[in-house]
C-alpha atoms as a PDB file:
ATOM      1  CA  MET A   1     -12.299 -34.384 -50.607  1.00  0.00           C
ATOM      2  CA  LYS A   2     -16.058 -34.172 -49.520  1.00  0.00           C
ATOM      3  CA  THR A   3     -15.226 -34.926 -45.916  1.00  0.00           C
ATOM      4  CA  THR A   4     -12.729 -31.678 -45.989  1.00  0.00           C
ATOM      5  CA  SER A   5     -14.903 -29.363 -47.987  1.00  0.00           C
ATOM      6  CA  ARG A   6     -17.761 -30.018 -45.641  1.00  0.00           C
ATOM      7  CA  TRP A   7     -15.322 -29.696 -43.049  1.00  0.00           C
ATOM      8  CA  MET A   8     -14.160 -26.659 -44.025  1.00  0.00           C
ATOM      9  CA  THR A   9     -17.700 -25.152 -44.407  1.00  0.00           C
ATOM     10  CA  ARG A  10     -18.062 -25.888 -40.797  1.00  0.00           C
ATOM     11  CA  LEU A  11     -14.817 -24.159 -39.826  1.00  0.00           C
ATOM     12  CA  ILE A  12     -15.556 -21.110 -42.150  1.00  0.00           C
ATOM     13  CA  ALA A  13     -19.665 -20.908 -40.794  1.00  0.00           C
ATOM     14  CA  VAL A  14     -18.233 -20.938 -37.109  1.00  0.00           C
ATOM     15  CA  CYS A  15     -15.830 -18.195 -37.704  1.00  0.00           C
ATOM     16  CA  LEU A  16     -18.185 -16.275 -39.630  1.00  0.00           C
ATOM     17  CA  SER A  17     -20.864 -16.724 -37.169  1.00  0.00           C
ATOM     18  CA  PHE A  18     -18.091 -15.643 -34.266  1.00  0.00           C
ATOM     19  CA  ALA A  19     -16.862 -12.629 -36.237  1.00  0.00           C
ATOM     20  CA  GLY A  20     -19.285 -10.170 -35.217  1.00  0.00           C
ATOM     21  CA  PHE A  21     -18.273 -10.773 -31.142  1.00  0.00           C
ATOM     22  CA  VAL A  22     -15.025  -8.999 -32.182  1.00  0.00           C
ATOM     23  CA  HIS A  23     -15.053  -5.697 -30.525  1.00  0.00           C
ATOM     24  CA  SER A  24     -12.530  -2.619 -32.158  1.00  0.00           C
ATOM     25  CA  ALA A  25     -10.383  -1.104 -29.474  1.00  0.00           C
ATOM     26  CA  GLN A  26     -11.391   2.817 -28.588  1.00  0.00           C
ATOM     27  CA  ALA A  27      -7.943   4.482 -27.667  1.00  0.00           C
ATOM     28  CA  THR A  28      -8.038   8.354 -26.498  1.00  0.00           C
ATOM     29  CA  LEU A  29      -4.596  10.569 -25.456  1.00  0.00           C
ATOM     30  CA  VAL A  30      -4.205  10.259 -21.765  1.00  0.00           C
ATOM     31  CA  THR A  31      -2.513  12.825 -19.659  1.00  0.00           C
ATOM     32  CA  THR A  32       0.775  12.626 -17.459  1.00  0.00           C
ATOM     33  CA  GLU A  33      -1.870  14.375 -14.810  1.00  0.00           C
ATOM     34  CA  GLN A  34      -4.743  11.344 -15.548  1.00  0.00           C
ATOM     35  CA  VAL A  35      -1.966   8.450 -15.238  1.00  0.00           C
ATOM     36  CA  ALA A  36      -0.288  10.352 -11.803  1.00  0.00           C
ATOM     37  CA  ALA A  37      -3.712  10.420 -10.313  1.00  0.00           C
ATOM     38  CA  SER A  38      -4.617   6.969 -11.360  1.00  0.00           C
ATOM     39  CA  GLU A  39      -1.522   6.012 -10.120  1.00  0.00           C
ATOM     40  CA  GLY A  40      -1.918   7.359  -6.349  1.00  0.00           C
ATOM     41  CA  VAL A  41       1.114   9.964  -7.513  1.00  0.00           C
ATOM     42  CA  THR A  42       0.454  13.347  -5.915  1.00  0.00           C
ATOM     43  CA  GLY A  43       1.483  16.608  -6.374  1.00  0.00           C
ATOM     44  CA  ALA A  44       4.185  18.931  -4.442  1.00  0.00           C
ATOM     45  CA  ALA A  45       1.251  21.451  -3.967  1.00  0.00           C
ATOM     46  CA  GLU A  46      -1.385  18.229  -2.443  1.00  0.00           C
ATOM     47  CA  GLN A  47       1.951  16.707  -0.337  1.00  0.00           C
ATOM     48  CA  ARG A  48       2.335  20.032   1.372  1.00  0.00           C
ATOM     49  CA  ALA A  49      -0.983  20.308   1.818  1.00  0.00           C
ATOM     50  CA  HIS A  50      -1.327  16.837   3.491  1.00  0.00           C
ATOM     51  CA  VAL A  51       1.576  18.436   5.706  1.00  0.00           C
ATOM     52  CA  TYR A  52      -0.363  21.180   6.816  1.00  0.00           C
ATOM     53  CA  GLU A  53      -3.756  19.216   7.324  1.00  0.00           C
ATOM     54  CA  MET A  54      -1.415  17.330   9.890  1.00  0.00           C
ATOM     55  CA  LEU A  55       0.331  20.351  11.287  1.00  0.00           C
ATOM     56  CA  THR A  56      -3.595  21.324  12.214  1.00  0.00           C
ATOM     57  CA  ARG A  57      -4.541  17.799  13.691  1.00  0.00           C
ATOM     58  CA  ALA A  58      -5.415  18.975  17.452  1.00  0.00           C
ATOM     59  CA  ASP A  59      -2.818  15.991  18.831  1.00  0.00           C
ATOM     60  CA  VAL A  60      -0.239  17.338  17.090  1.00  0.00           C
ATOM     61  CA  ALA A  61      -0.249  20.895  17.755  1.00  0.00           C
ATOM     62  CA  ALA A  62      -0.882  19.513  21.446  1.00  0.00           C
ATOM     63  CA  ALA A  63       2.522  17.697  21.301  1.00  0.00           C
ATOM     64  CA  LEU A  64       4.073  20.383  19.304  1.00  0.00           C
ATOM     65  CA  GLN A  65       3.205  22.667  21.842  1.00  0.00           C
ATOM     66  CA  GLU A  66       4.328  20.433  24.514  1.00  0.00           C
ATOM     67  CA  ARG A  67       7.997  20.617  23.187  1.00  0.00           C
ATOM     68  CA  GLY A  68       7.738  24.015  22.931  1.00  0.00           C
ATOM     69  CA  VAL A  69       7.296  24.350  19.057  1.00  0.00           C
ATOM     70  CA  ASP A  70       5.262  27.406  18.064  1.00  0.00           C
ATOM     71  CA  MET A  71       2.662  26.238  15.386  1.00  0.00           C
ATOM     72  CA  GLU A  72       3.295  29.468  12.780  1.00  0.00           C
ATOM     73  CA  GLN A  73       6.936  28.572  13.252  1.00  0.00           C
ATOM     74  CA  ALA A  74       6.088  25.014  11.962  1.00  0.00           C
ATOM     75  CA  LYS A  75       3.921  26.281   9.300  1.00  0.00           C
ATOM     76  CA  ALA A  76       6.647  28.965   8.149  1.00  0.00           C
ATOM     77  CA  ARG A  77       9.500  25.995   8.061  1.00  0.00           C
ATOM     78  CA  VAL A  78       6.984  23.562   6.224  1.00  0.00           C
ATOM     79  CA  ALA A  79       6.326  26.863   3.477  1.00  0.00           C
ATOM     80  CA  ALA A  80      10.476  26.964   3.418  1.00  0.00           C
ATOM     81  CA  LEU A  81      10.844  23.285   2.175  1.00  0.00           C
ATOM     82  CA  THR A  82      11.572  22.263  -1.089  1.00  0.00           C
ATOM     83  CA  ASP A  83       9.151  19.821  -2.987  1.00  0.00           C
ATOM     84  CA  ALA A  84      11.440  16.999  -2.723  1.00  0.00           C
ATOM     85  CA  GLU A  85      11.657  17.268   1.113  1.00  0.00           C
ATOM     86  CA  VAL A  86       7.906  17.839   1.516  1.00  0.00           C
ATOM     87  CA  ALA A  87       7.101  14.213  -0.459  1.00  0.00           C
ATOM     88  CA  HIS A  88      10.070  12.737   1.871  1.00  0.00           C
ATOM     89  CA  VAL A  89       8.227  14.482   5.211  1.00  0.00           C
ATOM     90  CA  ALA A  90       4.953  13.308   3.307  1.00  0.00           C
ATOM     91  CA  HIS A  91       5.809   9.943   2.926  1.00  0.00           C
ATOM     92  CA  THR A  92       7.538   9.824   6.299  1.00  0.00           C
ATOM     93  CA  LEU A  93       4.243  10.800   7.883  1.00  0.00           C
ATOM     94  CA  ASP A  94       2.050   8.180   5.840  1.00  0.00           C
ATOM     95  CA  THR A  95       4.420   5.271   6.797  1.00  0.00           C
ATOM     96  CA  ALA A  96       5.547   6.066  10.285  1.00  0.00           C
ATOM     97  CA  PRO A  97       4.019   3.537  12.664  1.00  0.00           C
ATOM     98  CA  ALA A  98       1.290   4.547  14.956  1.00  0.00           C
ATOM     99  CA  GLY A  99       2.341   4.178  18.268  1.00  0.00           C
ATOM    100  CA  ALA A 100       4.972   2.244  20.159  1.00  0.00           C
ATOM    101  CA  SER A 101       7.133  -0.144  18.074  1.00  0.00           C
ATOM    102  CA  ASP A 102       6.118  -4.018  17.588  1.00  0.00           C
ATOM    103  CA  VAL A 103       8.811  -4.915  20.174  1.00  0.00           C
ATOM    104  CA  ILE A 104       6.429  -6.653  22.323  1.00  0.00           C
ATOM    105  CA  GLY A 105       4.318  -7.966  19.912  1.00  0.00           C
ATOM    106  CA  THR A 106       7.587  -9.723  18.665  1.00  0.00           C
ATOM    107  CA  ILE A 107       8.459 -10.994  21.680  1.00  0.00           C
ATOM    108  CA  VAL A 108       4.950 -12.325  22.337  1.00  0.00           C
ATOM    109  CA  PHE A 109       5.198 -14.147  18.908  1.00  0.00           C
ATOM    110  CA  ILE A 110       8.270 -15.898  19.257  1.00  0.00           C
ATOM    111  CA  PHE A 111       7.280 -17.200  23.086  1.00  0.00           C
ATOM    112  CA  LEU A 112       4.005 -18.525  21.435  1.00  0.00           C
ATOM    113  CA  LEU A 113       5.982 -20.186  18.708  1.00  0.00           C
ATOM    114  CA  LEU A 114       8.234 -21.649  21.205  1.00  0.00           C
ATOM    115  CA  LEU A 115       5.467 -22.879  23.174  1.00  0.00           C
ATOM    116  CA  ILE A 116       3.901 -24.756  20.597  1.00  0.00           C
ATOM    117  CA  THR A 117       7.117 -26.287  19.400  1.00  0.00           C
ATOM    118  CA  ASP A 118       7.499 -27.603  22.864  1.00  0.00           C
ATOM    119  CA  ILE A 119       4.088 -28.735  23.318  1.00  0.00           C
ATOM    120  CA  LEU A 120       4.465 -30.201  19.966  1.00  0.00           C
ATOM    121  CA  GLY A 121       8.182 -31.883  20.801  1.00  0.00           C
ATOM    122  CA  PHE A 122      10.208 -30.249  18.208  1.00  0.00           C
ATOM    123  CA  THR A 123      12.150 -28.302  20.956  1.00  0.00           C
ATOM    124  CA  LYS A 124      12.846 -28.310  24.944  1.00  0.00           C
ATOM    125  CA  ILE A 125      13.001 -25.262  26.217  1.00  0.00           C
ATOM    126  CA  PHE A 126      10.473 -24.455  28.478  1.00  0.00           C
ATOM    127  CA  PRO A 127      10.706 -27.350  31.900  1.00  0.00           C
ATOM    128  CA  PHE A 128       7.126 -26.752  32.696  1.00  0.00           C
ATOM    129  CA  THR A 129       5.879 -28.208  29.030  1.00  0.00           C
ATOM    130  CA  ARG A 130       4.991 -31.693  28.317  1.00  0.00           C
ATOM    131  CA  SER A 131       5.214 -32.859  25.316  1.00  0.00           C
ATOM    132  CA  ILE A 132       2.366 -35.015  23.165  1.00  0.00           C
ATOM    133  CA  ARG A 133       4.847 -37.250  22.038  1.00  0.00           C
END
């Protein structure tokens, strides 16, 4: 009994000493715009401005002129797009690969992979390699 009361006393003393470290939670209202901004979701006006910004780049303007597209006509067409269409165009502009496709990189990777497996002795594809096995 005495051991139990000592043990309980120590437990209560520890609990009371750590009671001051408990922090209370603070909560405030968060608007939808704040959540959207924190998640990187942009509005239609910002996406339309992004598309206009892309159109005014010198290389894009030169490429459009090279293809016979008038800049003012392109801006008018962007202005006529719906919000969903502008969102799709902006997403395409952000995710489109810059430059050519990566076919050559894939071919080089496969060649190197087969060359290494030939050298290690797992395959025998290239006659000019000598296996280490």
